[in-house]
Amino acid sequence: MFRILKIVNVICLILVFFNASQAQKTEVFNKENQAQAFAILSAEYSKSAYLLAQKNFFSSSIYSIKQVCDTSILLSETAMQYADSALNFACDTCAYAKTIMLASKASQLAAITEFKKIKNLNNVELIHSLSKESMYAAANSAVDAYHASLVFELKAPADSDSTKTGIIDVAEEKALEKKENTRELTRLEADEFSYMTIKELYGKRLVEIDDELVLLKEEAKGSKGGKLNEINKAIEQLKSEEQECFKKMKGSQDRLINVRNDLSEEMLQIVHKDIFTTEKGGFYNENVPIPSNDKGPDGLVFKIQIGFFKSQLPPEHFDGIFPLSSEKVDNTYYRYIAGNFAKYNEAKTAKNTVVDKGYSDSFIVAYFNGEKISISEALKKRQDSD
């Protein structure tokens, strides 16, 4: 019987973007913010359903998969009940959190639908495909529920009346501020984490299979009769799984390449300080080249010019800096630029990080509607718009 892989939890990777650890530290029965507490409970049950769906995805036994589905349905239904409770206890100023919670609930329902379909099937390929869909649906529901828990606000004070004073109440103001400062995880980013994880899991399984084959072949040398037949059958079974793993890992790798190419283009159109990182080593490569001559987002944008070179440089030269783009200047030189920042100070902080990594010649540049402008002109435009 194949060992179930110990796999990295995609949810944990995704939740880094939402600082969900803060939400999980909240007292679940905190009566002051019951909407948040129920959202966390909903997320926890969805996460449990996700882990079971993940188990199904890597299982080869139809019987065990169907057994797991019953528990997964129950967990997802409980998650939906807690989602309803979160929505019921949400204050009127929590429209943004409610929207996210409703998205979580929709994903929970989608997961239940897939689990129920699996129970009525006997086709291995179709069951595997639906197991993948249920895994993603449960993952999405957990992510959204955790996210909602971070933006559910307390009810406004009893003596606060924004309709009488014409002033936005405290809870609404905080909610709007949090919404403005929170960058939502894009679908492509979630897909990247998922396909990265799946590819790594198949890679780990291939290493395990190779180790098992070595042991079985060694054992076969001193065996005969019925035992030798059993060993040979196990070897054939492992070889068959090995071929399937290679095929699936290649499929995940191909999908990851496509997602990363799309993600690379998408990130160049988003102006937000939280997108910039120097820890994305290996993202750009021969299959995912650094975008060139990208127009970038409209409006005023500050970026970091890393260097000006006579020829194009290999992606590994930039040591994990993301997002990156290049521009060809005078049909001769190449300018490499990183990040998209709305404010000069945000770009300055990022530039200091780049300098600390060894790119001492880096400096800040500014663009307006895709055209390069001087920093003084950019700062004047920023001042005029504030």
Protein backbone atom coordinates (compact mmCIF):
# COMPACT_ATOMS: atom_id res chain seq x y z
CA MET A 1 0.00 0.00 0.00
CA PHE A 2 1.39 3.35 -0.96
CA ARG A 3 2.37 5.68 1.85
CA ILE A 4 0.45 8.91 1.95
CA LEU A 5 2.75 11.81 1.36
CA LYS A 6 3.47 14.28 4.12
CA ILE A 7 2.78 17.41 2.23
CA VAL A 8 3.30 21.13 2.75
CA ASN A 9 0.12 22.92 3.65
CA VAL A 10 -0.77 25.30 0.80
CA ILE A 11 -3.12 27.16 3.11
CA CYS A 12 -0.24 28.11 5.43
CA LEU A 13 1.69 29.54 2.50
CA ILE A 14 -1.26 31.56 1.25
CA LEU A 15 -2.17 32.87 4.69
CA VAL A 16 1.22 34.55 5.04
CA PHE A 17 -0.17 37.32 2.80
CA PHE A 18 -3.08 37.88 5.15
CA ASN A 19 -1.17 37.68 8.45
CA ALA A 20 -3.75 35.10 9.49
CA SER A 21 -1.67 34.13 12.46
CA GLN A 22 -2.98 37.28 14.11
CA ALA A 23 -6.54 36.13 13.57
CA GLN A 24 -5.87 32.65 14.95
CA LYS A 25 -4.59 34.16 18.20
CA THR A 26 -8.00 35.71 18.82
CA GLU A 27 -10.02 34.09 21.59
CA VAL A 28 -12.62 32.02 19.73
CA PHE A 29 -15.39 32.88 22.16
CA ASN A 30 -14.55 36.55 22.33
CA LYS A 31 -18.00 38.04 22.92
CA GLU A 32 -16.83 41.46 21.82
CA ASN A 33 -16.30 40.33 18.23
CA GLN A 34 -18.35 37.20 17.60
CA ALA A 35 -18.30 37.67 13.82
CA GLN A 36 -14.53 37.38 13.84
CA ALA A 37 -14.63 34.38 16.16
CA PHE A 38 -17.13 32.49 13.99
CA ALA A 39 -15.13 33.34 10.86
CA ILE A 40 -12.05 31.74 12.45
CA LEU A 41 -14.05 28.63 13.36
CA SER A 42 -15.36 28.44 9.80
CA ALA A 43 -11.80 28.71 8.49
CA GLU A 44 -10.55 25.96 10.81
CA TYR A 45 -13.24 23.50 9.67
CA SER A 46 -12.61 24.38 6.01
CA LYS A 47 -8.90 23.82 6.58
CA SER A 48 -9.62 20.36 8.04
CA ALA A 49 -11.76 19.56 4.99
CA TYR A 50 -8.92 20.77 2.78
CA LEU A 51 -6.39 18.45 4.45
CA LEU A 52 -8.70 15.47 3.85
CA ALA A 53 -9.25 16.51 0.24
CA GLN A 54 -5.48 16.74 -0.09
CA LYS A 55 -5.22 13.21 1.26
CA ASN A 56 -7.71 12.04 -1.38
CA PHE A 57 -5.75 13.71 -4.14
CA PHE A 58 -2.71 11.56 -3.37
CA SER A 59 -4.60 8.34 -2.58
CA SER A 60 -4.99 5.45 -5.02
CA SER A 61 -7.74 3.61 -3.12
CA ILE A 62 -11.29 4.42 -4.29
CA TYR A 63 -12.71 2.87 -1.12
CA SER A 64 -10.66 5.06 1.23
CA ILE A 65 -11.35 8.16 -0.88
CA LYS A 66 -15.12 7.65 -0.58
CA GLN A 67 -14.83 7.11 3.17
CA VAL A 68 -12.93 10.36 3.54
CA CYS A 69 -15.62 12.21 1.55
CA ASP A 70 -18.26 11.59 4.24
CA THR A 71 -16.10 13.28 6.88
CA SER A 72 -15.14 16.09 4.49
CA ILE A 73 -18.81 16.84 3.75
CA LEU A 74 -19.58 17.04 7.46
CA LEU A 75 -16.63 19.37 8.07
CA SER A 76 -17.59 21.64 5.17
CA GLU A 77 -21.23 21.77 6.29
CA THR A 78 -20.07 22.78 9.78
CA ALA A 79 -17.84 25.43 8.22
CA MET A 80 -20.88 26.79 6.35
CA GLN A 81 -22.88 26.97 9.60
CA TYR A 82 -20.13 28.99 11.25
CA ALA A 83 -19.94 31.19 8.15
CA ASP A 84 -23.67 31.91 8.53
CA SER A 85 -23.09 32.74 12.20
CA ALA A 86 -20.28 35.14 11.28
CA LEU A 87 -22.55 36.89 8.80
CA ASN A 88 -25.38 37.02 11.34
CA PHE A 89 -23.22 38.68 14.02
CA ALA A 90 -21.45 41.07 11.62
CA CYS A 91 -22.08 44.76 12.22
CA ASP A 92 -23.59 46.96 9.53
CA THR A 93 -20.25 48.58 8.68
CA CYS A 94 -18.64 45.23 7.76
CA ALA A 95 -19.77 45.08 4.13
CA TYR A 96 -16.25 44.26 2.92
CA ALA A 97 -15.82 41.39 5.41
CA LYS A 98 -19.29 40.07 4.57
CA THR A 99 -18.40 39.93 0.88
CA ILE A 100 -15.30 37.86 1.64
CA MET A 101 -17.26 35.60 3.98
CA LEU A 102 -19.88 34.99 1.29
CA ALA A 103 -17.09 34.01 -1.11
CA SER A 104 -15.82 31.55 1.51
CA LYS A 105 -19.30 30.11 1.87
CA ALA A 106 -19.61 29.69 -1.91
CA SER A 107 -16.33 27.76 -1.97
CA GLN A 108 -17.53 25.58 0.91
CA LEU A 109 -20.63 24.72 -1.08
CA ALA A 110 -18.51 23.96 -4.14
CA ALA A 111 -16.33 21.61 -2.07
CA ILE A 112 -19.41 19.78 -0.75
CA THR A 113 -20.71 19.38 -4.30
CA GLU A 114 -17.42 17.82 -5.45
CA PHE A 115 -17.25 15.50 -2.43
CA LYS A 116 -20.79 14.26 -3.15
CA LYS A 117 -19.97 13.64 -6.82
CA ILE A 118 -16.92 11.56 -5.87
CA LYS A 119 -19.07 9.28 -3.68
CA ASN A 120 -21.16 8.22 -6.71
CA LEU A 121 -18.28 7.50 -9.09
CA ASN A 122 -16.01 4.54 -9.80
CA ASN A 123 -13.88 6.06 -12.57
CA VAL A 124 -10.39 6.55 -11.12
CA GLU A 125 -9.37 9.42 -13.43
CA LEU A 126 -12.60 11.33 -12.85
CA ILE A 127 -12.37 10.79 -9.09
CA HIS A 128 -8.81 12.11 -9.12
CA SER A 129 -9.86 15.19 -11.09
CA LEU A 130 -12.76 15.92 -8.72
CA SER A 131 -10.47 15.37 -5.72
CA LYS A 132 -8.26 18.13 -7.07
CA GLU A 133 -11.27 20.45 -7.50
CA SER A 134 -12.52 19.74 -3.98
CA MET A 135 -9.03 20.41 -2.61
CA TYR A 136 -8.86 23.84 -4.24
CA ALA A 137 -12.43 24.71 -3.24
CA ALA A 138 -11.77 23.85 0.42
CA ALA A 139 -8.48 25.78 0.31
CA ASN A 140 -10.20 28.86 -1.10
CA SER A 141 -12.90 28.73 1.57
CA ALA A 142 -10.32 28.58 4.36
CA VAL A 143 -8.29 31.45 2.90
CA ASP A 144 -11.34 33.69 2.51
CA ALA A 145 -12.68 32.88 5.99
CA TYR A 146 -9.34 33.73 7.60
CA HIS A 147 -9.17 36.91 5.54
CA ALA A 148 -12.70 37.88 6.61
CA SER A 149 -11.78 37.34 10.26
CA LEU A 150 -9.12 40.03 9.92
CA VAL A 151 -11.52 42.69 8.66
CA PHE A 152 -14.61 42.01 10.78
CA GLU A 153 -14.96 45.06 13.01
CA LEU A 154 -16.64 45.63 16.35
CA LYS A 155 -19.98 47.38 16.40
CA ALA A 156 -19.85 51.16 16.63
CA PRO A 157 -20.27 52.74 20.09
CA ALA A 158 -23.88 53.28 21.16
CA ASP A 159 -23.53 57.08 21.22
CA SER A 160 -22.07 57.19 17.72
CA ASP A 161 -24.53 58.30 15.06
CA SER A 162 -22.95 59.03 11.71
CA THR A 163 -26.33 59.75 10.09
CA LYS A 164 -26.97 62.62 12.53
CA THR A 165 -23.50 64.12 12.59
CA GLY A 166 -22.56 63.50 8.97
CA ILE A 167 -19.27 61.97 10.19
CA ILE A 168 -18.18 58.41 9.37
CA ASP A 169 -18.31 56.39 12.60
CA VAL A 170 -15.13 54.91 14.11
CA ALA A 171 -15.81 51.30 13.11
CA GLU A 172 -16.59 52.22 9.50
CA GLU A 173 -13.51 54.44 9.27
CA LYS A 174 -11.27 51.65 10.57
CA ALA A 175 -12.85 49.16 8.17
CA LEU A 176 -12.33 51.47 5.21
CA GLU A 177 -8.72 52.13 6.24
CA LYS A 178 -8.00 48.42 6.61
CA LYS A 179 -9.60 47.68 3.24
CA GLU A 180 -7.49 50.38 1.59
CA ASN A 181 -4.27 49.03 3.10
CA THR A 182 -5.00 45.35 2.48
CA ARG A 183 -3.90 43.90 -0.82
CA GLU A 184 -6.00 40.91 -1.75
CA LEU A 185 -4.18 37.79 -2.88
CA THR A 186 -4.69 37.31 -6.62
CA ARG A 187 -5.91 34.03 -8.08
CA LEU A 188 -2.61 33.66 -9.94
CA GLU A 189 -0.62 33.94 -6.70
CA ALA A 190 -2.74 31.22 -5.10
CA ASP A 191 -2.29 29.05 -8.20
CA GLU A 192 1.47 29.54 -8.05
CA PHE A 193 1.63 28.29 -4.47
CA SER A 194 -0.60 25.33 -5.30
CA TYR A 195 1.31 24.17 -8.37
CA MET A 196 4.66 24.72 -6.67
CA THR A 197 3.54 22.51 -3.80
CA ILE A 198 2.09 19.79 -6.01
CA LYS A 199 5.26 19.71 -8.12
CA GLU A 200 7.42 19.40 -4.99
CA LEU A 201 5.23 16.62 -3.61
CA TYR A 202 5.54 14.53 -6.74
CA GLY A 203 9.28 15.14 -6.67
CA LYS A 204 9.47 13.88 -3.08
CA ARG A 205 7.41 10.83 -3.97
CA LEU A 206 9.75 10.04 -6.87
CA VAL A 207 12.69 10.07 -4.45
CA GLU A 208 10.78 7.72 -2.13
CA ILE A 209 9.97 5.38 -5.02
CA ASP A 210 13.61 5.31 -6.07
CA ASP A 211 14.68 4.39 -2.52
CA GLU A 212 12.00 1.69 -2.31
CA LEU A 213 13.04 0.20 -5.66
CA VAL A 214 16.67 -0.02 -4.54
CA LEU A 215 15.63 -1.90 -1.38
CA LEU A 216 13.27 -4.24 -3.24
CA LYS A 217 15.83 -5.08 -5.93
CA GLU A 218 18.38 -5.84 -3.24
CA GLU A 219 15.86 -8.04 -1.42
CA ALA A 220 14.99 -9.85 -4.66
CA LYS A 221 18.59 -11.10 -5.01
CA GLY A 222 18.19 -13.45 -2.05
CA SER A 223 14.56 -14.44 -2.64
CA LYS A 224 12.83 -17.14 -4.64
CA GLY A 225 9.44 -18.68 -5.29
CA GLY A 226 6.32 -16.89 -3.99
CA LYS A 227 8.26 -14.22 -2.15
CA LEU A 228 10.20 -13.30 -5.29
CA ASN A 229 6.95 -13.06 -7.23
CA GLU A 230 5.54 -10.68 -4.61
CA ILE A 231 8.67 -8.53 -4.76
CA ASN A 232 8.56 -8.39 -8.56
CA LYS A 233 4.90 -7.37 -8.47
CA ALA A 234 5.73 -4.62 -5.98
CA ILE A 235 8.57 -3.46 -8.25
CA GLU A 236 6.26 -3.32 -11.25
CA GLN A 237 3.67 -1.44 -9.25
CA LEU A 238 6.24 1.12 -8.11
CA LYS A 239 7.55 1.54 -11.66
CA SER A 240 4.02 2.19 -12.85
CA GLU A 241 3.52 4.78 -10.11
CA GLU A 242 6.88 6.30 -10.98
CA GLN A 243 5.79 6.87 -14.60
CA GLU A 244 2.52 8.40 -13.42
CA CYS A 245 4.36 10.70 -11.00
CA PHE A 246 6.72 11.85 -13.75
CA LYS A 247 3.74 12.64 -15.96
CA LYS A 248 1.88 14.53 -13.23
CA MET A 249 4.97 16.41 -12.10
CA LYS A 250 5.63 17.48 -15.70
CA GLY A 251 2.03 18.67 -15.98
CA SER A 252 2.36 20.66 -12.76
CA GLN A 253 5.66 22.14 -13.95
CA ASP A 254 4.13 23.21 -17.27
CA ARG A 255 1.16 24.79 -15.51
CA LEU A 256 3.47 26.52 -13.03
CA ILE A 257 5.45 28.05 -15.90
CA ASN A 258 2.27 29.41 -17.50
CA VAL A 259 1.01 30.78 -14.18
CA ARG A 260 4.33 32.46 -13.43
CA ASN A 261 4.46 34.10 -16.85
CA ASP A 262 0.95 35.47 -16.32
CA LEU A 263 1.79 36.47 -12.74
CA SER A 264 4.93 38.28 -13.87
CA GLU A 265 2.86 40.43 -16.23
CA GLU A 266 0.07 40.94 -13.68
CA MET A 267 2.38 42.17 -10.92
CA LEU A 268 3.79 44.86 -13.22
CA GLN A 269 0.33 46.42 -13.42
CA ILE A 270 -0.29 46.60 -9.65
CA VAL A 271 0.97 49.54 -7.61
CA HIS A 272 1.49 48.30 -4.07
CA LYS A 273 4.48 48.22 -1.74
CA ASP A 274 3.65 44.72 -0.43
CA ILE A 275 4.24 43.15 -3.84
CA PHE A 276 7.95 43.95 -3.84
CA THR A 277 10.26 41.23 -2.49
CA THR A 278 13.90 40.15 -2.73
CA GLU A 279 13.12 36.56 -1.73
CA LYS A 280 11.68 35.12 -4.96
CA GLY A 281 14.76 33.27 -6.11
CA GLY A 282 14.30 31.02 -9.14
CA PHE A 283 11.08 32.71 -10.25
CA TYR A 284 12.60 34.18 -13.41
CA ASN A 285 14.40 31.70 -15.66
CA GLU A 286 14.65 30.66 -19.31
CA ASN A 287 10.99 29.58 -19.24
CA VAL A 288 9.80 32.67 -17.34
CA PRO A 289 11.87 35.55 -18.74
CA ILE A 290 12.03 39.03 -17.24
CA PRO A 291 9.36 41.09 -19.08
CA SER A 292 10.75 43.72 -21.42
CA ASN A 293 9.47 47.17 -22.41
CA ASP A 294 6.39 46.88 -20.20
CA LYS A 295 4.28 50.06 -20.17
CA GLY A 296 3.36 49.61 -16.51
CA PRO A 297 0.32 51.00 -14.70
CA ASP A 298 -1.23 54.38 -15.44
CA GLY A 299 -0.68 57.32 -13.16
CA LEU A 300 2.37 58.18 -11.07
CA VAL A 301 4.63 55.27 -10.13
CA PHE A 302 8.01 55.15 -8.39
CA LYS A 303 10.40 52.30 -9.25
CA ILE A 304 13.94 51.20 -8.49
CA GLN A 305 16.50 51.21 -11.28
CA ILE A 306 18.93 48.42 -10.46
CA GLY A 307 21.33 48.86 -13.34
CA PHE A 308 22.09 50.05 -16.85
CA PHE A 309 23.90 47.48 -19.01
CA LYS A 310 25.18 47.00 -22.56
CA SER A 311 23.64 43.55 -22.83
CA GLN A 312 20.81 41.55 -21.29
CA LEU A 313 21.66 39.76 -18.07
CA PRO A 314 20.54 36.30 -16.91
CA PRO A 315 17.66 36.34 -14.38
CA GLU A 316 19.79 34.76 -11.64
CA HIS A 317 21.93 37.92 -11.64
CA PHE A 318 19.10 39.69 -9.76
CA ASP A 319 19.02 37.24 -6.86
CA GLY A 320 15.28 36.94 -6.12
CA ILE A 321 14.19 40.55 -6.74
CA PHE A 322 10.52 40.66 -7.83
CA PRO A 323 8.77 42.03 -9.81
CA LEU A 324 11.31 42.95 -12.47
CA SER A 325 11.17 44.45 -15.94
CA SER A 326 13.72 45.60 -18.49
CA GLU A 327 13.76 48.43 -21.02
CA LYS A 328 15.85 48.74 -24.15
CA VAL A 329 17.27 52.25 -24.42
CA ASP A 330 18.60 53.73 -27.70
CA ASN A 331 18.53 50.22 -29.21
CA THR A 332 21.77 49.59 -27.32
CA TYR A 333 21.45 49.56 -23.54
CA TYR A 334 19.22 47.69 -21.11
CA ARG A 335 17.72 49.27 -18.01
CA TYR A 336 16.51 46.88 -15.28
CA ILE A 337 13.76 48.14 -12.99
CA ALA A 338 12.02 46.65 -9.95
CA GLY A 339 8.75 47.27 -8.14
CA ASN A 340 5.80 49.64 -8.45
CA PHE A 341 5.32 52.09 -5.59
CA ALA A 342 2.69 54.76 -5.10
CA LYS A 343 4.84 56.79 -2.69
CA TYR A 344 8.45 57.95 -2.83
CA ASN A 345 9.17 56.80 0.74
CA GLU A 346 7.96 53.27 -0.07
CA ALA A 347 10.34 53.13 -3.02
CA LYS A 348 13.14 54.51 -0.82
CA THR A 349 12.67 51.73 1.74
CA ALA A 350 12.73 49.09 -1.02
CA LYS A 351 15.79 50.70 -2.61
CA ASN A 352 17.68 50.42 0.69
CA THR A 353 16.86 46.70 0.74
CA VAL A 354 18.21 46.31 -2.80
CA VAL A 355 21.39 48.20 -1.89
CA ASP A 356 21.86 45.93 1.14
CA LYS A 357 21.79 42.95 -1.25
CA GLY A 358 24.81 44.38 -3.07
CA TYR A 359 23.27 46.54 -5.82
CA SER A 360 24.92 49.72 -4.60
CA ASP A 361 24.24 51.69 -7.80
CA SER A 362 20.45 51.39 -7.46
CA PHE A 363 18.35 54.56 -7.37
CA ILE A 364 14.71 55.64 -7.58
CA VAL A 365 13.07 56.56 -10.89
CA ALA A 366 9.58 57.83 -11.62
CA TYR A 367 7.04 57.18 -14.37
CA PHE A 368 3.80 58.89 -15.25
CA ASN A 369 1.38 57.01 -17.53
CA GLY A 370 4.27 54.83 -18.68
CA GLU A 371 6.63 57.70 -19.49
CA LYS A 372 9.80 58.33 -17.48
CA ILE A 373 9.84 61.70 -15.67
CA SER A 374 12.21 63.39 -13.23
CA ILE A 375 11.90 62.77 -9.48
CA SER A 376 11.32 66.49 -8.86
CA GLU A 377 8.44 66.51 -11.34
CA ALA A 378 7.04 63.35 -9.79
CA LEU A 379 7.17 64.76 -6.27
CA LYS A 380 5.40 67.90 -7.46
CA LYS A 381 2.65 65.80 -9.04
CA ARG A 382 2.36 63.83 -5.80
CA GLN A 383 2.16 67.03 -3.77
CA ASP A 384 -0.48 68.49 -6.07
CA SER A 385 -2.62 65.36 -5.79
CA ASP A 386 -2.48 65.15 -1.95
